[in-house]
PDB file of N, CA and C in Angstrom:
ATOM      1  N   UNK A   1      80.048 105.605  57.431  1.00  0.00           N
ATOM      2  CA  UNK A   1      79.741 105.089  56.265  1.00  0.00           C
ATOM      3  C   UNK A   1      79.675 105.927  54.597  1.00  0.00           C
ATOM      4  N   UNK A   2      80.529 105.377  53.673  1.00  0.00           N
ATOM      5  CA  UNK A   2      80.422 106.107  52.417  1.00  0.00           C
ATOM      6  C   UNK A   2      78.898 106.385  51.883  1.00  0.00           C
ATOM      7  N   UNK A   3      78.629 106.946  50.992  1.00  0.00           N
ATOM      8  CA  UNK A   3      77.239 106.905  50.384  1.00  0.00           C
ATOM      9  C   UNK A   3      76.938 105.714  49.388  1.00  0.00           C
ATOM     10  N   UNK A   4      75.797 105.058  49.697  1.00  0.00           N
ATOM     11  CA  UNK A   4      75.636 104.241  48.721  1.00  0.00           C
ATOM     12  C   UNK A   4      75.071 105.279  47.737  1.00  0.00           C
ATOM     13  N   UNK A   5      75.589 104.374  46.245  1.00  0.00           N
ATOM     14  CA  UNK A   5      74.749 105.410  45.362  1.00  0.00           C
ATOM     15  C   UNK A   5      73.548 104.326  44.633  1.00  0.00           C
ATOM     16  N   UNK A   6      72.603 105.086  44.257  1.00  0.00           N
ATOM     17  CA  UNK A   6      71.988 103.464  43.709  1.00  0.00           C
ATOM     18  C   UNK A   6      70.193 104.574  42.961  1.00  0.00           C
ATOM     19  N   UNK A   7      69.593 103.685  42.116  1.00  0.00           N
ATOM     20  CA  UNK A   7      68.942 104.326  41.187  1.00  0.00           C
ATOM     21  C   UNK A   7      67.426 103.953  42.068  1.00  0.00           C
ATOM     22  N   UNK A   8      66.801 104.947  41.733  1.00  0.00           N
ATOM     23  CA  UNK A   8      64.869 104.593  42.732  1.00  0.00           C
ATOM     24  C   UNK A   8      64.127 104.015  42.028  1.00  0.00           C
ATOM     25  N   UNK A   9      62.923 104.560  42.543  1.00  0.00           N
ATOM     26  CA  UNK A   9      61.641 104.183  41.566  1.00  0.00           C
ATOM     27  C   UNK A   9      61.744 105.263  40.439  1.00  0.00           C
ATOM     28  N   UNK A  10      61.676 104.710  39.318  1.00  0.00           N
ATOM     29  CA  UNK A  10      61.528 105.125  37.823  1.00  0.00           C
ATOM     30  C   UNK A  10      63.478 105.328  37.528  1.00  0.00           C
ATOM     31  N   UNK A  11      63.847 106.869  36.877  1.00  0.00           N
ATOM     32  CA  UNK A  11      64.305 107.023  37.158  1.00  0.00           C
ATOM     33  C   UNK A  11      65.462 107.636  37.399  1.00  0.00           C
ATOM     34  N   UNK A  12      64.715 107.941  38.560  1.00  0.00           N
ATOM     35  CA  UNK A  12      65.749 108.645  39.886  1.00  0.00           C
ATOM     36  C   UNK A  12      66.938 108.137  40.236  1.00  0.00           C
ATOM     37  N   UNK A  13      68.131 108.797  40.377  1.00  0.00           N
ATOM     38  CA  UNK A  13      69.207 108.946  41.095  1.00  0.00           C
ATOM     39  C   UNK A  13      69.659 109.525  42.654  1.00  0.00           C
ATOM     40  N   UNK A  14      69.258 107.919  43.126  1.00  0.00           N
ATOM     41  CA  UNK A  14      69.785 108.390  44.906  1.00  0.00           C
ATOM     42  C   UNK A  14      70.799 108.111  45.630  1.00  0.00           C
ATOM     43  N   UNK A  15      71.245 108.799  46.537  1.00  0.00           N
ATOM     44  CA  UNK A  15      72.174 108.249  47.439  1.00  0.00           C
ATOM     45  C   UNK A  15      71.787 108.405  49.029  1.00  0.00           C
ATOM     46  N   UNK A  16      71.931 107.169  49.561  1.00  0.00           N
ATOM     47  CA  UNK A  16      72.079 107.160  50.768  1.00  0.00           C
ATOM     48  C   UNK A  16      73.179 107.405  51.826  1.00  0.00           C
ATOM     49  N   UNK A  17      72.962 107.586  52.863  1.00  0.00           N
ATOM     50  CA  UNK A  17      74.238 107.468  53.292  1.00  0.00           C
ATOM     51  C   UNK A  17      73.100 107.237  55.313  1.00  0.00           C
ATOM     52  N   UNK A  18      74.999 106.678  55.949  1.00  0.00           N
ATOM     53  CA  UNK A  18      74.120 106.135  57.637  1.00  0.00           C
ATOM     54  C   UNK A  18      75.380 106.557  58.206  1.00  0.00           C
ATOM     55  N   UNK A  19      74.802 106.538  59.209  1.00  0.00           N
ATOM     56  CA  UNK A  19      75.781 107.021  60.326  1.00  0.00           C
ATOM     57  C   UNK A  19      75.126 106.161  61.519  1.00  0.00           C
ATOM     58  N   UNK A  20      75.920 105.778  62.931  1.00  0.00           N
ATOM     59  CA  UNK A  20      75.119 105.351  64.327  1.00  0.00           C
ATOM     60  C   UNK A  20      76.313 105.157  65.325  1.00  0.00           C
ATOM     61  N   UNK A  21      75.747 104.265  66.219  1.00  0.00           N
ATOM     62  CA  UNK A  21      76.591 104.076  67.424  1.00  0.00           C
ATOM     63  C   UNK A  21      76.302 102.432  67.753  1.00  0.00           C
ATOM     64  N   UNK A  22      77.072 101.808  68.087  1.00  0.00           N
ATOM     65  CA  UNK A  22      77.407 100.587  68.599  1.00  0.00           C
ATOM     66  C   UNK A  22      77.433 100.632  69.816  1.00  0.00           C
ATOM     67  N   UNK A  23      76.377 100.059  70.343  1.00  0.00           N
ATOM     68  CA  UNK A  23      76.217  99.881  72.197  1.00  0.00           C
ATOM     69  C   UNK A  23      76.159  98.664  72.761  1.00  0.00           C
ATOM     70  N   UNK A  24      75.947  99.019  74.102  1.00  0.00           N
ATOM     71  CA  UNK A  24      75.439  97.401  75.178  1.00  0.00           C
ATOM     72  C   UNK A  24      74.626  97.326  75.692  1.00  0.00           C
ATOM     73  N   UNK A  25      73.780  98.572  75.583  1.00  0.00           N
ATOM     74  CA  UNK A  25      72.720  98.290  76.553  1.00  0.00           C
ATOM     75  C   UNK A  25      72.715  98.097  77.695  1.00  0.00           C
ATOM     76  N   UNK A  26      71.081  97.668  78.136  1.00  0.00           N
ATOM     77  CA  UNK A  26      69.880  98.078  77.443  1.00  0.00           C
ATOM     78  C   UNK A  26      69.447  99.307  77.577  1.00  0.00           C
ATOM     79  N   UNK A  27      68.496  99.628  76.124  1.00  0.00           N
ATOM     80  CA  UNK A  27      68.486 100.812  76.065  1.00  0.00           C
ATOM     81  C   UNK A  27      67.384 100.999  76.837  1.00  0.00           C
ATOM     82  N   UNK A  28      67.300 102.179  77.163  1.00  0.00           N
ATOM     83  CA  UNK A  28      65.946 103.166  78.206  1.00  0.00           C
ATOM     84  C   UNK A  28      64.812 103.429  77.509  1.00  0.00           C
ATOM     85  N   UNK A  29      63.347 103.604  77.924  1.00  0.00           N
ATOM     86  CA  UNK A  29      62.216 103.177  77.294  1.00  0.00           C
ATOM     87  C   UNK A  29      61.675 104.804  76.098  1.00  0.00           C
ATOM     88  N   UNK A  30      63.170 105.679  76.640  1.00  0.00           N
ATOM     89  CA  UNK A  30      62.623 106.990  75.479  1.00  0.00           C
ATOM     90  C   UNK A  30      63.097 106.651  74.422  1.00  0.00           C
ATOM     91  N   UNK A  31      64.247 105.795  74.167  1.00  0.00           N
ATOM     92  CA  UNK A  31      64.976 105.189  73.047  1.00  0.00           C
ATOM     93  C   UNK A  31      64.052 104.657  71.758  1.00  0.00           C
ATOM     94  N   UNK A  32      64.596 104.783  70.522  1.00  0.00           N
ATOM     95  CA  UNK A  32      63.770 104.236  69.419  1.00  0.00           C
ATOM     96  C   UNK A  32      63.249 102.811  69.926  1.00  0.00           C
ATOM     97  N   UNK A  33      64.561 101.694  70.459  1.00  0.00           N
ATOM     98  CA  UNK A  33      64.380 100.193  70.772  1.00  0.00           C
ATOM     99  C   UNK A  33      64.355 100.341  72.075  1.00  0.00           C
ATOM    100  N   UNK A  34      63.353 100.271  72.581  1.00  0.00           N
ATOM    101  CA  UNK A  34      63.967 100.112  74.620  1.00  0.00           C
ATOM    102  C   UNK A  34      64.446  98.777  74.783  1.00  0.00           C
ATOM    103  N   UNK A  35      65.049  98.630  75.500  1.00  0.00           N
ATOM    104  CA  UNK A  35      65.194  97.292  75.668  1.00  0.00           C
ATOM    105  C   UNK A  35      66.622  96.531  74.784  1.00  0.00           C
ATOM    106  N   UNK A  36      67.296  97.307  73.815  1.00  0.00           N
ATOM    107  CA  UNK A  36      67.985  96.146  73.090  1.00  0.00           C
ATOM    108  C   UNK A  36      69.244  95.855  73.816  1.00  0.00           C
ATOM    109  N   UNK A  37      69.856  95.157  73.181  1.00  0.00           N
ATOM    110  CA  UNK A  37      71.255  95.389  73.396  1.00  0.00           C
ATOM    111  C   UNK A  37      72.377  94.715  73.325  1.00  0.00           C
ATOM    112  N   UNK A  38      73.636  94.919  72.721  1.00  0.00           N
ATOM    113  CA  UNK A  38      74.099  94.717  71.954  1.00  0.00           C
ATOM    114  C   UNK A  38      74.241  94.729  70.189  1.00  0.00           C
ATOM    115  N   UNK A  39      73.860  95.485  70.186  1.00  0.00           N
ATOM    116  CA  UNK A  39      73.291  96.040  68.927  1.00  0.00           C
ATOM    117  C   UNK A  39      73.887  97.086  68.557  1.00  0.00           C
ATOM    118  N   UNK A  40      73.193  97.790  66.752  1.00  0.00           N
ATOM    119  CA  UNK A  40      74.277  99.125  66.340  1.00  0.00           C
ATOM    120  C   UNK A  40      72.884  99.734  65.619  1.00  0.00           C
ATOM    121  N   UNK A  41      72.819 101.196  66.053  1.00  0.00           N
ATOM    122  CA  UNK A  41      71.718 101.755  65.771  1.00  0.00           C
ATOM    123  C   UNK A  41      72.024 102.783  64.906  1.00  0.00           C
ATOM    124  N   UNK A  42      71.230 102.669  62.940  1.00  0.00           N
ATOM    125  CA  UNK A  42      71.957 103.360  62.411  1.00  0.00           C
ATOM    126  C   UNK A  42      70.821 104.334  62.170  1.00  0.00           C
ATOM    127  N   UNK A  43      71.130 105.696  61.505  1.00  0.00           N
ATOM    128  CA  UNK A  43      70.823 107.021  61.214  1.00  0.00           C
ATOM    129  C   UNK A  43      70.830 106.539  59.561  1.00  0.00           C
ATOM    130  N   UNK A  44      69.917 106.992  58.925  1.00  0.00           N
ATOM    131  CA  UNK A  44      69.931 106.518  58.064  1.00  0.00           C
ATOM    132  C   UNK A  44      69.213 107.598  56.993  1.00  0.00           C
ATOM    133  N   UNK A  45      70.068 108.188  56.068  1.00  0.00           N
ATOM    134  CA  UNK A  45      69.376 109.471  55.651  1.00  0.00           C
ATOM    135  C   UNK A  45      69.088 109.597  53.805  1.00  0.00           C
ATOM    136  N   UNK A  46      68.760 110.136  53.303  1.00  0.00           N
ATOM    137  CA  UNK A  46      68.462 110.465  52.000  1.00  0.00           C
ATOM    138  C   UNK A  46      69.336 111.851  51.514  1.00  0.00           C
ATOM    139  N   UNK A  47      70.063 111.553  49.966  1.00  0.00           N
ATOM    140  CA  UNK A  47      70.289 113.071  49.393  1.00  0.00           C
ATOM    141  C   UNK A  47      71.354 113.547  50.477  1.00  0.00           C
ATOM    142  N   UNK A  48      71.087 115.048  49.609  1.00  0.00           N
ATOM    143  CA  UNK A  48      71.779 115.757  50.595  1.00  0.00           C
ATOM    144  C   UNK A  48      71.224 117.574  49.863  1.00  0.00           C
ATOM    145  N   UNK A  49      71.462 118.291  50.997  1.00  0.00           N
ATOM    146  CA  UNK A  49      71.263 119.915  50.356  1.00  0.00           C
ATOM    147  C   UNK A  49      72.295 120.236  50.635  1.00  0.00           C
ATOM    148  N   UNK A  50      72.959 121.059  49.133  1.00  0.00           N
ATOM    149  CA  UNK A  50      74.251 121.771  49.141  1.00  0.00           C
ATOM    150  C   UNK A  50      73.734 123.005  49.636  1.00  0.00           C
ATOM    151  N   UNK A  51      72.658 123.951  49.978  1.00  0.00           N
ATOM    152  CA  UNK A  51      72.162 125.183  50.593  1.00  0.00           C
ATOM    153  C   UNK A  51      72.355 125.018  52.355  1.00  0.00           C
ATOM    154  N   UNK A  52      71.991 123.898  52.564  1.00  0.00           N
ATOM    155  CA  UNK A  52      72.027 123.357  54.228  1.00  0.00           C
ATOM    156  C   UNK A  52      70.167 122.817  54.157  1.00  0.00           C
ATOM    157  N   UNK A  53      69.612 123.144  55.112  1.00  0.00           N
ATOM    158  CA  UNK A  53      68.888 122.413  55.648  1.00  0.00           C
ATOM    159  C   UNK A  53      67.466 123.148  55.341  1.00  0.00           C
ATOM    160  N   UNK A  54      67.394 124.581  54.596  1.00  0.00           N
ATOM    161  CA  UNK A  54      66.027 125.394  54.642  1.00  0.00           C
ATOM    162  C   UNK A  54      66.077 125.163  52.798  1.00  0.00           C
ATOM    163  N   UNK A  55      67.454 124.166  52.057  1.00  0.00           N
ATOM    164  CA  UNK A  55      67.016 124.088  50.571  1.00  0.00           C
ATOM    165  C   UNK A  55      66.817 122.901  50.400  1.00  0.00           C
ATOM    166  N   UNK A  56      66.242 122.699  48.869  1.00  0.00           N
ATOM    167  CA  UNK A  56      65.542 121.360  48.748  1.00  0.00           C
ATOM    168  C   UNK A  56      66.772 120.434  48.446  1.00  0.00           C
ATOM    169  N   UNK A  57      66.379 119.481  48.912  1.00  0.00           N
ATOM    170  CA  UNK A  57      67.437 118.125  48.963  1.00  0.00           C
ATOM    171  C   UNK A  57      67.208 117.932  47.754  1.00  0.00           C
ATOM    172  N   UNK A  58      68.665 117.124  46.726  1.00  0.00           N
ATOM    173  CA  UNK A  58      68.776 116.425  45.898  1.00  0.00           C
ATOM    174  C   UNK A  58      68.955 114.974  46.223  1.00  0.00           C
ATOM    175  N   UNK A  59      69.082 114.105  45.147  1.00  0.00           N
ATOM    176  CA  UNK A  59      69.647 112.919  44.984  1.00  0.00           C
ATOM    177  C   UNK A  59      68.772 111.933  45.935  1.00  0.00           C
ATOM    178  N   UNK A  60      67.759 112.046  46.371  1.00  0.00           N
ATOM    179  CA  UNK A  60      66.524 111.329  46.850  1.00  0.00           C
ATOM    180  C   UNK A  60      65.800 110.461  46.220  1.00  0.00           C
ATOM    181  N   UNK A  61      65.698 109.149  46.478  1.00  0.00           N
ATOM    182  CA  UNK A  61      64.332 108.593  45.712  1.00  0.00           C
ATOM    183  C   UNK A  61      63.755 107.684  46.815  1.00  0.00           C
ATOM    184  N   UNK A  62      62.728 106.845  46.554  1.00  0.00           N
ATOM    185  CA  UNK A  62      62.495 106.499  47.638  1.00  0.00           C
ATOM    186  C   UNK A  62      62.397 104.847  47.647  1.00  0.00           C
ATOM    187  N   UNK A  63      63.436 104.353  48.565  1.00  0.00           N
ATOM    188  CA  UNK A  63      63.757 102.494  48.401  1.00  0.00           C
ATOM    189  C   UNK A  63      64.150 102.093  49.045  1.00  0.00           C
ATOM    190  N   UNK A  64      64.217 101.023  49.388  1.00  0.00           N
ATOM    191  CA  UNK A  64      64.329  99.858  50.822  1.00  0.00           C
ATOM    192  C   UNK A  64      65.967  99.911  50.748  1.00  0.00           C
ATOM    193  N   UNK A  65      66.428 100.397  51.483  1.00  0.00           N
ATOM    194  CA  UNK A  65      67.694 100.133  51.983  1.00  0.00           C
ATOM    195  C   UNK A  65      67.719  98.516  53.216  1.00  0.00           C
ATOM    196  N   UNK A  66      68.737  97.944  52.357  1.00  0.00           N
ATOM    197  CA  UNK A  66      69.307  96.788  53.222  1.00  0.00           C
ATOM    198  C   UNK A  66      70.429  96.668  53.503  1.00  0.00           C
ATOM    199  N   UNK A  67      70.367  96.249  55.225  1.00  0.00           N
ATOM    200  CA  UNK A  67      71.638  96.071  55.841  1.00  0.00           C
ATOM    201  C   UNK A  67      71.905  94.872  56.164  1.00  0.00           C
ATOM    202  N   UNK A  68      73.106  94.408  55.527  1.00  0.00           N
ATOM    203  CA  UNK A  68      73.665  92.328  55.708  1.00  0.00           C
ATOM    204  C   UNK A  68      74.443  92.954  56.497  1.00  0.00           C
ATOM    205  N   UNK A  69      74.536  92.110  57.724  1.00  0.00           N
ATOM    206  CA  UNK A  69      75.454  92.081  58.538  1.00  0.00           C
ATOM    207  C   UNK A  69      75.843  91.114  59.233  1.00  0.00           C
ATOM    208  N   UNK A  70      76.992  90.606  59.594  1.00  0.00           N
ATOM    209  CA  UNK A  70      77.938  89.283  60.191  1.00  0.00           C
ATOM    210  C   UNK A  70      78.818  89.756  61.275  1.00  0.00           C
ATOM    211  N   UNK A  71      78.456  89.285  62.340  1.00  0.00           N
ATOM    212  CA  UNK A  71      79.386  89.016  63.617  1.00  0.00           C
ATOM    213  C   UNK A  71      80.749  88.411  62.930  1.00  0.00           C
ATOM    214  N   UNK A  72      82.139  88.948  63.195  1.00  0.00           N
ATOM    215  CA  UNK A  72      83.394  88.115  62.937  1.00  0.00           C
ATOM    216  C   UNK A  72      83.500  87.040  64.087  1.00  0.00           C
ATOM    217  N   UNK A  73      83.127  87.683  65.127  1.00  0.00           N
ATOM    218  CA  UNK A  73      84.084  86.655  66.172  1.00  0.00           C
ATOM    219  C   UNK A  73      82.548  85.514  66.086  1.00  0.00           C
ATOM    220  N   UNK A  74      81.196  85.440  66.101  1.00  0.00           N
ATOM    221  CA  UNK A  74      80.568  84.750  66.161  1.00  0.00           C
ATOM    222  C   UNK A  74      79.964  83.870  65.322  1.00  0.00           C
ATOM    223  N   UNK A  75      80.369  84.493  63.925  1.00  0.00           N
ATOM    224  CA  UNK A  75      79.807  83.635  63.005  1.00  0.00           C
ATOM    225  C   UNK A  75      78.251  84.357  62.732  1.00  0.00           C
ATOM    226  N   UNK A  76      77.341  85.012  63.889  1.00  0.00           N
ATOM    227  CA  UNK A  76      76.128  85.008  63.048  1.00  0.00           C
ATOM    228  C   UNK A  76      75.861  85.917  62.360  1.00  0.00           C
ATOM    229  N   UNK A  77      74.877  85.868  60.987  1.00  0.00           N
ATOM    230  CA  UNK A  77      74.917  86.859  60.479  1.00  0.00           C
ATOM    231  C   UNK A  77      73.423  86.975  60.229  1.00  0.00           C
ATOM    232  N   UNK A  78      72.696  88.276  59.700  1.00  0.00           N
ATOM    233  CA  UNK A  78      71.377  88.500  58.972  1.00  0.00           C
ATOM    234  C   UNK A  78      71.161  90.052  58.145  1.00  0.00           C
ATOM    235  N   UNK A  79      69.976  90.206  57.656  1.00  0.00           N
ATOM    236  CA  UNK A  79      69.758  91.522  56.811  1.00  0.00           C
ATOM    237  C   UNK A  79      68.265  91.970  57.276  1.00  0.00           C
ATOM    238  N   UNK A  80      68.569  92.993  57.808  1.00  0.00           N
ATOM    239  CA  UNK A  80      67.946  94.619  58.318  1.00  0.00           C
ATOM    240  C   UNK A  80      67.021  95.030  57.107  1.00  0.00           C
ATOM    241  N   UNK A  81      65.868  94.954  56.615  1.00  0.00           N
ATOM    242  CA  UNK A  81      65.197  95.601  55.611  1.00  0.00           C
ATOM    243  C   UNK A  81      64.515  96.607  55.745  1.00  0.00           C
ATOM    244  N   UNK A  82      64.489  98.178  55.193  1.00  0.00           N
ATOM    245  CA  UNK A  82      63.327  98.940  56.095  1.00  0.00           C
ATOM    246  C   UNK A  82      63.376 100.312  54.630  1.00  0.00           C
ATOM    247  N   UNK A  83      61.807 100.691  54.308  1.00  0.00           N
ATOM    248  CA  UNK A  83      61.591 101.026  53.532  1.00  0.00           C
ATOM    249  C   UNK A  83      62.116 102.609  53.944  1.00  0.00           C
ATOM    250  N   UNK A  84      62.919 103.261  52.969  1.00  0.00           N
ATOM    251  CA  UNK A  84      63.142 104.580  53.027  1.00  0.00           C
ATOM    252  C   UNK A  84      62.478 105.808  52.155  1.00  0.00           C
ATOM    253  N   UNK A  85      61.540 106.398  52.880  1.00  0.00           N
ATOM    254  CA  UNK A  85      61.186 107.374  51.653  1.00  0.00           C
ATOM    255  C   UNK A  85      62.302 108.392  51.612  1.00  0.00           C
ATOM    256  N   UNK A  86      62.004 109.203  50.126  1.00  0.00           N
ATOM    257  CA  UNK A  86      62.755 110.006  49.694  1.00  0.00           C
ATOM    258  C   UNK A  86      62.599 111.053  50.678  1.00  0.00           C
ATOM    259  N   UNK A  87      61.274 111.876  51.645  1.00  0.00           N
ATOM    260  CA  UNK A  87      61.232 112.599  52.820  1.00  0.00           C
ATOM    261  C   UNK A  87      62.328 112.276  53.780  1.00  0.00           C
ATOM    262  N   UNK A  88      63.325 111.180  53.912  1.00  0.00           N
ATOM    263  CA  UNK A  88      64.273 111.239  54.968  1.00  0.00           C
ATOM    264  C   UNK A  88      65.504 111.810  55.118  1.00  0.00           C
ATOM    265  N   UNK A  89      65.711 112.438  54.758  1.00  0.00           N
ATOM    266  CA  UNK A  89      66.430 114.179  54.764  1.00  0.00           C
ATOM    267  C   UNK A  89      67.398 114.009  56.080  1.00  0.00           C
ATOM    268  N   UNK A  90      68.522 114.266  56.222  1.00  0.00           N
ATOM    269  CA  UNK A  90      69.181 114.779  57.278  1.00  0.00           C
ATOM    270  C   UNK A  90      68.377 114.975  58.517  1.00  0.00           C
ATOM    271  N   UNK A  91      67.134 116.069  58.209  1.00  0.00           N
ATOM    272  CA  UNK A  91      66.127 116.817  59.166  1.00  0.00           C
ATOM    273  C   UNK A  91      65.341 115.408  60.248  1.00  0.00           C
ATOM    274  N   UNK A  92      64.723 114.609  59.230  1.00  0.00           N
ATOM    275  CA  UNK A  92      64.460 113.372  59.532  1.00  0.00           C
ATOM    276  C   UNK A  92      64.739 112.172  59.226  1.00  0.00           C
ATOM    277  N   UNK A  93      66.095 111.532  59.948  1.00  0.00           N
ATOM    278  CA  UNK A  93      66.512 110.534  59.669  1.00  0.00           C
ATOM    279  C   UNK A  93      65.790 109.509  59.950  1.00  0.00           C
ATOM    280  N   UNK A  94      65.982 108.081  59.141  1.00  0.00           N
ATOM    281  CA  UNK A  94      65.105 106.795  59.235  1.00  0.00           C
ATOM    282  C   UNK A  94      65.947 106.079  60.374  1.00  0.00           C
ATOM    283  N   UNK A  95      65.431 105.929  61.542  1.00  0.00           N
ATOM    284  CA  UNK A  95      66.460 105.023  62.546  1.00  0.00           C
ATOM    285  C   UNK A  95      66.481 103.479  62.424  1.00  0.00           C
ATOM    286  N   UNK A  96      67.845 102.885  62.249  1.00  0.00           N
ATOM    287  CA  UNK A  96      67.366 101.477  62.528  1.00  0.00           C
ATOM    288  C   UNK A  96      68.455 100.643  63.293  1.00  0.00           C
ATOM    289  N   UNK A  97      67.470  99.678  63.596  1.00  0.00           N
ATOM    290  CA  UNK A  97      68.448  98.769  64.699  1.00  0.00           C
ATOM    291  C   UNK A  97      68.831  97.292  63.902  1.00  0.00           C
ATOM    292  N   UNK A  98      69.871  97.106  64.460  1.00  0.00           N
ATOM    293  CA  UNK A  98      70.862  95.917  63.848  1.00  0.00           C
ATOM    294  C   UNK A  98      71.216  95.051  65.221  1.00  0.00           C
ATOM    295  N   UNK A  99      70.435  94.013  65.603  1.00  0.00           N
ATOM    296  CA  UNK A  99      70.765  93.571  66.289  1.00  0.00           C
ATOM    297  C   UNK A  99      71.544  92.473  65.873  1.00  0.00           C
ATOM    298  N   UNK A 100      73.035  92.864  66.547  1.00  0.00           N
ATOM    299  CA  UNK A 100      74.336  91.555  66.523  1.00  0.00           C
ATOM    300  C   UNK A 100      74.705  91.190  66.941  1.00  0.00           C
ATOM    301  N   UNK A 101      74.587  91.178  68.318  1.00  0.00           N
ATOM    302  CA  UNK A 101      75.644  90.838  69.434  1.00  0.00           C
ATOM    303  C   UNK A 101      76.593  91.282  69.583  1.00  0.00           C
ATOM    304  N   UNK A 102      77.464  91.085  70.802  1.00  0.00           N
ATOM    305  CA  UNK A 102      78.931  91.518  70.786  1.00  0.00           C
ATOM    306  C   UNK A 102      79.903  91.043  70.144  1.00  0.00           C
ATOM    307  N   UNK A 103      80.536  91.639  69.549  1.00  0.00           N
ATOM    308  CA  UNK A 103      81.933  91.763  68.366  1.00  0.00           C
ATOM    309  C   UNK A 103      82.239  92.424  67.016  1.00  0.00           C
ATOM    310  N   UNK A 104      83.298  91.776  66.448  1.00  0.00           N
ATOM    311  CA  UNK A 104      83.694  92.583  65.601  1.00  0.00           C
ATOM    312  C   UNK A 104      82.425  92.384  64.173  1.00  0.00           C
ATOM    313  N   UNK A 105      81.756  93.678  63.325  1.00  0.00           N
ATOM    314  CA  UNK A 105      80.403  93.184  63.135  1.00  0.00           C
ATOM    315  C   UNK A 105      80.965  93.978  61.625  1.00  0.00           C
ATOM    316  N   UNK A 106      80.734  93.476  60.715  1.00  0.00           N
ATOM    317  CA  UNK A 106      80.822  93.854  59.348  1.00  0.00           C
ATOM    318  C   UNK A 106      79.653  94.288  58.896  1.00  0.00           C
ATOM    319  N   UNK A 107      79.444  95.255  58.286  1.00  0.00           N
ATOM    320  CA  UNK A 107      78.139  95.609  57.819  1.00  0.00           C
ATOM    321  C   UNK A 107      78.405  96.304  56.472  1.00  0.00           C
ATOM    322  N   UNK A 108      76.989  95.752  55.784  1.00  0.00           N
ATOM    323  CA  UNK A 108      76.983  95.945  54.310  1.00  0.00           C
ATOM    324  C   UNK A 108      75.830  96.815  54.177  1.00  0.00           C
ATOM    325  N   UNK A 109      75.607  98.021  53.789  1.00  0.00           N
ATOM    326  CA  UNK A 109      74.437  98.652  53.142  1.00  0.00           C
ATOM    327  C   UNK A 109      74.287  98.617  51.866  1.00  0.00           C
ATOM    328  N   UNK A 110      73.173  98.239  51.041  1.00  0.00           N
ATOM    329  CA  UNK A 110      72.698  98.365  49.484  1.00  0.00           C
ATOM    330  C   UNK A 110      71.027  98.454  49.537  1.00  0.00           C
ATOM    331  N   UNK A 111      70.830  98.932  48.401  1.00  0.00           N
ATOM    332  CA  UNK A 111      69.318  98.937  48.397  1.00  0.00           C
ATOM    333  C   UNK A 111      68.911  97.632  47.613  1.00  0.00           C
ATOM    334  N   UNK A 112      67.527  97.773  47.025  1.00  0.00           N
ATOM    335  CA  UNK A 112      67.037  96.787  46.579  1.00  0.00           C
ATOM    336  C   UNK A 112      67.180  96.864  44.802  1.00  0.00           C
ATOM    337  N   UNK A 113      67.224  98.022  44.543  1.00  0.00           N
ATOM    338  CA  UNK A 113      67.600  98.628  43.500  1.00  0.00           C
ATOM    339  C   UNK A 113      68.788  98.403  43.249  1.00  0.00           C
ATOM    340  N   UNK A 114      69.213  98.731  41.167  1.00  0.00           N
ATOM    341  CA  UNK A 114      70.902  98.760  41.625  1.00  0.00           C
ATOM    342  C   UNK A 114      71.720  99.308  42.203  1.00  0.00           C
ATOM    343  N   UNK A 115      72.524  99.569  42.542  1.00  0.00           N
ATOM    344  CA  UNK A 115      73.499 100.165  43.657  1.00  0.00           C
ATOM    345  C   UNK A 115      74.673 100.180  43.969  1.00  0.00           C
ATOM    346  N   UNK A 116      75.771 100.424  44.153  1.00  0.00           N
ATOM    347  CA  UNK A 116      76.687 100.874  44.621  1.00  0.00           C
ATOM    348  C   UNK A 116      76.927 100.281  46.444  1.00  0.00           C
ATOM    349  N   UNK A 117      76.539  98.769  47.064  1.00  0.00           N
ATOM    350  CA  UNK A 117      76.680  98.844  48.303  1.00  0.00           C
ATOM    351  C   UNK A 117      78.471  98.946  49.001  1.00  0.00           C
ATOM    352  N   UNK A 118      78.050  99.732  50.151  1.00  0.00           N
ATOM    353  CA  UNK A 118      78.994 100.129  50.407  1.00  0.00           C
ATOM    354  C   UNK A 118      79.040  99.027  51.964  1.00  0.00           C
ATOM    355  N   UNK A 119      80.395  98.959  52.369  1.00  0.00           N
ATOM    356  CA  UNK A 119      80.234  98.028  53.583  1.00  0.00           C
ATOM    357  C   UNK A 119      81.665  98.698  55.029  1.00  0.00           C
ATOM    358  N   UNK A 120      81.423  98.435  56.149  1.00  0.00           N
ATOM    359  CA  UNK A 120      82.384  98.724  57.086  1.00  0.00           C
ATOM    360  C   UNK A 120      82.538  97.821  58.488  1.00  0.00           C
ATOM    361  N   UNK A 121      83.439  97.983  59.344  1.00  0.00           N
ATOM    362  CA  UNK A 121      83.487  97.073  60.482  1.00  0.00           C
ATOM    363  C   UNK A 121      83.391  97.689  61.808  1.00  0.00           C
ATOM    364  N   UNK A 122      82.748  97.485  62.682  1.00  0.00           N
ATOM    365  CA  UNK A 122      82.408  97.880  64.403  1.00  0.00           C
ATOM    366  C   UNK A 122      82.746  97.018  64.757  1.00  0.00           C
ATOM    367  N   UNK A 123      82.882  97.486  65.821  1.00  0.00           N
ATOM    368  CA  UNK A 123      83.183  96.809  67.595  1.00  0.00           C
ATOM    369  C   UNK A 123      81.690  96.757  68.326  1.00  0.00           C
ATOM    370  N   UNK A 124      80.909  95.898  68.414  1.00  0.00           N
ATOM    371  CA  UNK A 124      79.664  96.407  69.268  1.00  0.00           C
ATOM    372  C   UNK A 124      80.116  95.597  70.691  1.00  0.00           C
ATOM    373  N   UNK A 125      79.897  96.662  71.626  1.00  0.00           N
ATOM    374  CA  UNK A 125      80.587  95.992  73.320  1.00  0.00           C
ATOM    375  C   UNK A 125      79.682  95.084  73.762  1.00  0.00           C
TER     376      UNK A 125
END
């Protein structure tokens, strides 16, 4: 997914990025969501570090990430909201599980603050 540009708490300018996997499951006992099936697991991170993981992260703000989803094959839809503190950088991503069911799924990520939402489509087995 492309970055979601947002305003965070106060006058903070921020950037959220998400990457993930679609799976049929069920997930094993050592996963974030044991037993989950036909879902998308997103890793959401804040900002970026221009000099790598040992340098300070910039463009990171405390926000609520909102993932709206719609299964284009079944018509089901929903929303998952998760608080993502500025400390959830690429070294410590926030894991968010979205239970969509199998099929073609449109995902849109935004925040609860002024933001530029980003959408993508995935196929969930």
